[in-house]
Protein backbone atom coordinates (compact mmCIF):
# COMPACT_ATOMS: atom_id res chain seq x y z
CA MET A 1 81.89 -73.99 67.28
CA ILE A 2 84.88 -76.41 67.13
CA SER A 3 86.11 -76.02 63.58
CA ARG A 4 87.23 -79.26 61.70
CA ARG A 5 90.74 -77.81 61.82
CA ILE A 6 90.68 -78.06 65.24
CA LEU A 7 89.24 -81.45 65.34
CA ARG A 8 92.24 -82.40 63.30
CA ILE A 9 94.58 -81.29 65.57
CA LYS A 10 92.94 -82.83 68.22
CA ILE A 11 93.02 -86.05 66.74
CA LEU A 12 96.61 -85.55 65.41
CA GLN A 13 97.82 -84.98 69.14
CA LEU A 14 95.89 -88.04 70.38
CA LEU A 15 97.01 -90.40 67.67
CA TYR A 16 100.73 -89.36 68.44
CA ALA A 17 99.86 -90.29 72.19
CA TYR A 18 98.33 -93.59 71.13
CA PHE A 19 100.64 -94.83 68.73
CA GLN A 20 103.51 -94.09 71.38
CA SER A 21 101.89 -95.66 74.31
CA ALA A 22 102.91 -99.26 75.88
CA ASP A 23 99.08 -99.46 76.64
CA ALA A 24 97.48 -98.42 73.51
CA LEU A 25 93.87 -98.66 74.32
CA LEU A 26 91.32 -97.54 71.71
CA ASN A 27 88.49 -96.67 74.15
CA LYS A 28 90.72 -94.81 76.71
CA TYR A 29 91.92 -92.68 73.72
CA GLU A 30 88.60 -92.07 72.21
CA LYS A 31 87.59 -90.67 75.74
CA GLU A 32 90.43 -88.27 75.93
CA LEU A 33 89.71 -87.30 72.53
CA PHE A 34 86.44 -85.97 73.45
CA PHE A 35 87.77 -85.07 76.91
CA SER A 36 90.00 -82.58 74.99
CA ILE A 37 87.38 -81.13 72.88
CA GLN A 38 85.11 -80.73 75.76
CA LYS A 39 88.08 -78.59 77.06
CA THR A 40 88.11 -76.14 74.16
CA TYR A 41 84.21 -75.62 75.34
CA ASP A 42 85.54 -74.90 78.53
CA LEU A 43 87.95 -72.44 77.51
CA TYR A 44 85.19 -70.46 75.59
CA HIS A 45 82.92 -70.16 78.55
CA TYR A 46 86.01 -69.44 80.58
CA LEU A 47 87.10 -66.76 78.66
CA LEU A 48 83.78 -65.38 78.34
CA LEU A 49 83.68 -65.06 82.06
CA LEU A 50 86.77 -63.30 82.27
CA ILE A 51 85.58 -59.98 81.38
CA LEU A 52 83.13 -60.13 83.79
CA ASP A 53 85.74 -60.63 86.47
CA ILE A 54 87.71 -57.32 84.88
CA ALA A 55 84.49 -55.41 85.24
CA ASP A 56 83.85 -56.44 88.66
CA TYR A 57 87.42 -55.75 89.69
CA ALA A 58 86.99 -52.41 87.90
CA ASN A 59 83.78 -51.66 90.15
CA ALA A 60 85.48 -52.41 93.29
CA ARG A 61 88.39 -49.73 92.68
CA ILE A 62 85.47 -47.49 92.41
CA GLU A 63 83.93 -48.55 95.65
CA ILE A 64 87.29 -48.26 97.38
CA ALA A 65 88.07 -44.78 95.82
CA ARG A 66 84.16 -43.69 97.25
CA GLN A 67 85.05 -44.84 100.93
CA LYS A 68 88.09 -42.80 101.07
CA LYS A 69 88.46 -40.48 103.72
CA ILE A 70 88.72 -37.20 101.43
CA PRO A 71 87.27 -38.71 98.27
CA THR A 72 87.65 -36.47 95.30
CA ARG A 73 84.95 -34.91 93.11
CA GLU A 74 85.80 -37.73 90.63
CA ASP A 75 86.04 -40.83 93.50
CA LEU A 76 82.29 -39.59 93.98
CA ASN A 77 81.23 -39.40 90.39
CA PRO A 78 82.82 -42.12 88.98
CA ASN A 79 82.59 -42.72 85.26
CA THR A 80 80.86 -46.42 85.35
CA LYS A 81 80.52 -46.61 81.68
CA PHE A 82 82.62 -49.72 81.20
CA VAL A 83 81.34 -51.71 84.43
CA ASP A 84 77.65 -51.02 83.24
CA ASN A 85 78.38 -52.13 79.74
CA LEU A 86 75.41 -53.48 78.08
CA ILE A 87 77.20 -56.70 76.69
CA ILE A 88 78.91 -57.49 80.09
CA GLN A 89 75.68 -57.44 81.65
CA GLN A 90 74.21 -59.33 78.65
CA ILE A 91 76.69 -62.00 79.42
CA ARG A 92 76.16 -61.85 82.92
CA THR A 93 72.84 -62.75 82.75
CA ASN A 94 72.61 -65.03 79.69
CA ARG A 95 70.70 -68.51 80.59
CA GLN A 96 72.90 -70.83 78.60
CA PHE A 97 76.12 -69.19 79.97
CA ASN A 98 74.73 -69.30 83.64
CA GLN A 99 73.87 -72.83 83.11
CA TYR A 100 76.92 -74.01 81.89
CA LEU A 101 78.95 -72.17 84.75
CA ASN A 102 76.73 -73.88 87.52
CA THR A 103 77.92 -77.35 85.85
CA THR A 104 81.74 -76.78 85.49
CA ARG A 105 81.96 -74.42 88.48
CA LEU A 106 84.83 -72.54 86.09
CA SER A 107 86.19 -69.44 88.01
CA TRP A 108 89.01 -67.12 88.19
CA VAL A 109 89.07 -66.66 91.99
CA ASN A 110 92.48 -68.17 92.10
CA SER A 111 93.76 -65.27 89.63
CA PRO A 112 93.42 -61.83 91.13
CA GLU A 113 97.12 -60.69 89.85
CA LEU A 114 95.95 -61.94 86.00
CA ILE A 115 92.60 -59.83 86.74
CA LYS A 116 94.48 -56.75 87.63
CA LYS A 117 97.07 -56.87 85.22
CA LEU A 118 94.27 -57.14 82.29
CA HIS A 119 92.28 -54.58 83.93
CA ASN A 120 95.36 -52.26 83.67
CA ARG A 121 96.44 -53.28 80.12
CA ILE A 122 92.76 -52.28 78.94
CA ARG A 123 92.44 -48.91 80.62
CA MET A 124 95.55 -47.72 78.88
CA ALA A 125 94.57 -48.97 75.52
CA PRO A 126 93.72 -45.81 73.03
CA PHE A 127 90.37 -47.60 72.01
CA PHE A 128 88.97 -47.87 75.74
CA LYS A 129 90.32 -44.10 76.64
CA GLU A 130 88.12 -42.87 73.94
CA TYR A 131 85.20 -45.14 74.47
CA MET A 132 85.13 -43.89 78.35
CA GLU A 133 85.38 -40.04 77.29
CA ASP A 134 82.40 -40.16 74.97
CA PRO A 135 79.55 -39.26 76.56
CA VAL A 136 77.21 -40.75 74.23
CA ARG A 137 76.71 -44.70 74.81
CA SER A 138 74.77 -47.20 72.81
CA TYR A 139 74.34 -50.76 72.50
CA GLU A 140 76.46 -51.30 69.34
CA GLN A 141 79.28 -48.98 70.88
CA ASP A 142 79.29 -51.24 73.92
CA LYS A 143 79.20 -54.30 72.01
CA LYS A 144 82.21 -52.84 69.88
CA LEU A 145 84.39 -52.15 72.75
CA ILE A 146 83.75 -55.69 74.15
CA MET A 147 85.28 -57.10 70.91
CA GLU A 148 88.02 -54.99 70.50
CA VAL A 149 88.97 -55.75 74.25
CA TYR A 150 89.02 -59.30 73.46
CA THR A 151 90.67 -58.92 70.12
CA ASN A 152 93.14 -56.36 70.56
CA GLU A 153 94.36 -56.81 74.52
CA ILE A 154 93.36 -60.17 75.89
CA VAL A 155 94.26 -61.81 72.75
CA SER A 156 97.78 -60.57 73.31
CA ALA A 157 98.24 -60.96 76.70
CA GLU A 158 100.90 -62.98 77.61
CA SER A 159 99.83 -63.09 81.20
CA LEU A 160 96.83 -65.02 80.15
CA TYR A 161 98.65 -67.57 78.12
CA GLN A 162 100.81 -68.43 81.11
CA THR A 163 97.88 -68.59 83.34
CA LEU A 164 96.22 -70.97 81.17
CA GLU A 165 99.08 -73.13 80.34
CA GLU A 166 99.50 -73.74 83.93
CA GLN A 167 95.75 -74.65 84.19
CA SER A 168 95.22 -77.01 81.34
CA ILE A 169 97.78 -78.68 78.80
CA PHE A 170 94.84 -78.73 76.11
CA TRP A 171 94.45 -74.94 76.19
CA ASN A 172 98.09 -74.11 74.91
CA ASP A 173 97.33 -73.50 71.26
CA GLU A 174 93.95 -72.57 71.26
CA ILE A 175 93.46 -69.44 73.01
CA GLU A 176 93.51 -67.21 69.76
CA PHE A 177 91.15 -69.57 68.30
CA VAL A 178 88.55 -69.40 71.32
CA ILE A 179 88.82 -65.79 71.24
CA SER A 180 87.94 -65.24 67.60
CA MET A 181 84.70 -67.48 68.03
CA ILE A 182 84.07 -65.18 71.28
CA ALA A 183 83.89 -62.42 68.77
CA LYS A 184 82.09 -64.15 66.31
CA THR A 185 79.43 -64.68 69.26
CA LEU A 186 79.27 -61.32 70.48
CA LYS A 187 78.85 -59.98 66.81
CA GLY A 188 75.57 -62.05 66.79
CA PHE A 189 74.12 -60.64 69.96
CA ARG A 190 71.32 -58.25 69.65
CA GLU A 191 69.97 -56.02 72.49
CA ASN A 192 66.47 -57.70 72.26
CA ASP A 193 67.72 -61.00 72.82
CA GLY A 194 68.35 -60.45 76.27
CA GLU A 195 69.54 -63.39 78.57
CA ASN A 196 68.56 -65.56 75.75
CA ALA A 197 71.31 -64.66 73.26
CA VAL A 198 72.41 -67.81 71.79
CA LEU A 199 76.21 -69.24 72.34
CA MET A 200 77.87 -71.18 70.22
CA PRO A 201 77.21 -75.00 70.25
CA LEU A 202 80.06 -77.49 71.28
CA PHE A 203 79.94 -78.92 67.76
CA LYS A 204 78.46 -77.35 64.54
CA ASN A 205 76.29 -80.36 63.71
CA ASP A 206 76.32 -84.04 64.60
CA ASP A 207 78.36 -84.66 61.32
CA ASP A 208 81.53 -83.21 62.84
CA LYS A 209 81.21 -85.20 65.90
CA GLU A 210 80.84 -88.34 63.95
CA PHE A 211 83.86 -87.10 61.85
CA ALA A 212 86.10 -86.51 64.83
CA ARG A 213 85.22 -90.16 65.97
CA ASP A 214 85.63 -91.84 62.58
CA LEU A 215 88.51 -90.09 61.81
CA PHE A 216 90.36 -90.99 64.84
CA ARG A 217 89.50 -95.02 64.57
CA LYS A 218 90.06 -95.24 60.82
CA VAL A 219 93.67 -94.03 60.83
CA ILE A 220 94.02 -96.65 63.48
CA HIS A 221 92.37 -99.14 61.36
CA TYR A 222 94.62 -98.39 58.31
CA LYS A 223 97.76 -97.68 59.90
CA GLU A 224 99.66 -100.56 58.75
CA GLU A 225 98.38 -100.25 55.31
CA PHE A 226 98.85 -96.73 54.28
CA GLY A 227 102.11 -96.67 56.43
CA LYS A 228 103.36 -99.30 53.99
CA LEU A 229 102.00 -97.24 51.10
CA VAL A 230 103.50 -94.12 52.25
CA GLU A 231 106.89 -95.95 52.80
CA SER A 232 106.71 -97.06 48.95
CA TYR A 233 106.58 -93.72 48.02
CA THR A 234 109.77 -92.63 50.13
CA GLU A 235 112.06 -95.15 48.87
CA ASN A 236 114.76 -92.63 48.49
CA TRP A 237 114.49 -91.51 51.85
CA ASP A 238 115.42 -93.34 55.08
CA VAL A 239 112.05 -93.77 56.74
CA GLU A 240 113.47 -93.66 60.11
CA ARG A 241 114.85 -90.24 59.78
CA ILE A 242 111.78 -88.76 58.55
CA ALA A 243 109.68 -86.51 61.37
CA TYR A 244 107.25 -89.32 63.05
CA MET A 245 104.47 -86.15 63.22
CA ASP A 246 105.39 -86.00 59.28
CA LEU A 247 104.13 -89.71 58.74
CA LEU A 248 101.25 -89.47 61.20
CA ILE A 249 99.97 -86.16 59.05
CA LEU A 250 100.48 -88.28 55.96
CA GLU A 251 98.70 -91.02 57.28
CA MET A 252 95.77 -89.01 58.39
CA ALA A 253 95.61 -87.10 54.98
CA ILE A 254 95.24 -90.37 53.02
CA THR A 255 92.87 -92.02 55.58
CA GLU A 256 90.53 -88.96 55.06
CA ALA A 257 90.88 -88.67 51.51
CA VAL A 258 89.94 -92.45 51.15
CA ALA A 259 87.51 -92.85 54.02
CA PHE A 260 85.47 -89.40 53.58
CA PRO A 261 84.00 -89.32 49.85
CA SER A 262 82.09 -85.88 50.96
CA ILE A 263 85.29 -83.85 51.52
CA PRO A 264 87.58 -82.78 48.44
CA THR A 265 91.08 -83.94 48.15
CA ARG A 266 92.32 -80.27 47.84
CA VAL A 267 90.59 -79.60 51.02
CA THR A 268 92.09 -82.42 52.68
CA ILE A 269 95.74 -81.50 51.57
CA ASN A 270 95.42 -77.88 52.41
CA GLU A 271 94.47 -78.48 55.87
CA TYR A 272 97.21 -80.98 56.65
CA LEU A 273 99.77 -78.53 55.06
CA GLU A 274 98.44 -75.84 57.34
CA ILE A 275 98.61 -78.09 60.40
CA ALA A 276 102.00 -79.27 59.40
CA LYS A 277 103.55 -75.54 59.36
CA PHE A 278 102.45 -75.46 63.02
CA TYR A 279 103.15 -79.01 64.27
CA SER A 280 105.79 -80.30 62.34
CA THR A 281 109.29 -79.09 60.93
CA GLU A 282 109.63 -76.03 58.53
CA LYS A 283 110.41 -78.10 55.37
CA SER A 284 107.91 -80.37 55.98
CA SER A 285 104.45 -78.90 54.42
CA VAL A 286 106.61 -78.97 50.95
CA PHE A 287 107.53 -82.87 51.54
CA ILE A 288 104.04 -83.37 52.52
CA ASN A 289 102.36 -81.74 49.66
CA GLY A 290 104.60 -83.50 47.09
CA LEU A 291 104.19 -86.69 48.22
CA LEU A 292 100.16 -86.76 48.90
CA ASP A 293 99.83 -85.64 45.19
CA LYS A 294 101.54 -88.80 43.85
CA ILE A 295 99.73 -90.76 46.25
CA PHE A 296 96.31 -89.44 45.78
CA LYS A 297 97.05 -89.57 42.31
CA HIS A 298 97.71 -93.28 42.69
CA LEU A 299 94.79 -93.82 44.80
CA LYS A 300 92.38 -91.95 42.49
CA ASP A 301 93.85 -94.24 39.79
CA GLU A 302 93.14 -97.57 41.87
CA LYS A 303 89.52 -96.11 42.56
CA ARG A 304 90.43 -96.14 45.92
CA ILE A 305 89.60 -92.11 46.40
CA VAL A 306 86.10 -91.76 44.91
CA LYS A 307 84.45 -88.47 46.10
CA ALA A 308 80.62 -88.18 45.80
CA GLY A 309 78.34 -85.09 46.60
CA ARG A 310 77.37 -81.86 45.47
CA GLY A 311 80.54 -80.72 42.96
CA LEU A 312 82.54 -83.81 43.80
CA ILE A 313 81.62 -86.09 41.17
CA GLY A 314 84.42 -86.33 39.06
CA GLU A 315 87.18 -84.67 41.10
CA VAL A 316 90.39 -84.44 39.56
């Protein structure tokens, strides 16, 4: 589930903290790295749980309306299409999901105002009104609605971002990514799967977990050597005035290119340019791109960058 770009970002954040710390203990920061990765997986389940709480709130409103002293016809015959949504029921009964919740105790119980705001926001969306007014219902229609709720409404709700920011510093930049993973998960749901519908794993495979650990350790290992290499290619620059994040991104990219022979250099460059656009200065990506091109050429000539694997031998 966790993409390699997210892994690179988390490694960058923890390396920054490591190198800025007075007590730079490798084991401590490595544990922190994997804790931050696990928090992303918590968020995945936490946001899946969110739609259940919104549906429960909608159902509670229906029950309150039924208990009026003088209920209207609509109060007595409510439209329960949303609260009975088949995807919501499938998430609610999902074995993997409930096992994870039982372990982590994730809950929105302390965020009633957020649930109310999100319910009202969703209820006013044109696609939701269209869904509720359509007398026909199907599994695919129910799936389409919940995917639209996540990708159109929940993802753009500022109140959600504020609430999550207060709960964990690890979630600030990950909400859009996690919601895209939820949409991908729901797209793969099938009605016949029932409670056994498959959720995404924490890591796509063991290689990704090893990539995270190895890249973190190797950037630290090569810090002095590759720091000097970058400095030698910035002799016309005042190194102390170059953004520290830029230097760290450069060192990460060089380490990845040298230490991971199965990853194409162009993939490495593109990944770190995208990260630089978000985490460094406005002109950083141009600076980093030019420098990496020169350094990678030098390291290939020195046989320090040697790629191996299908389609990678003889990479230029």
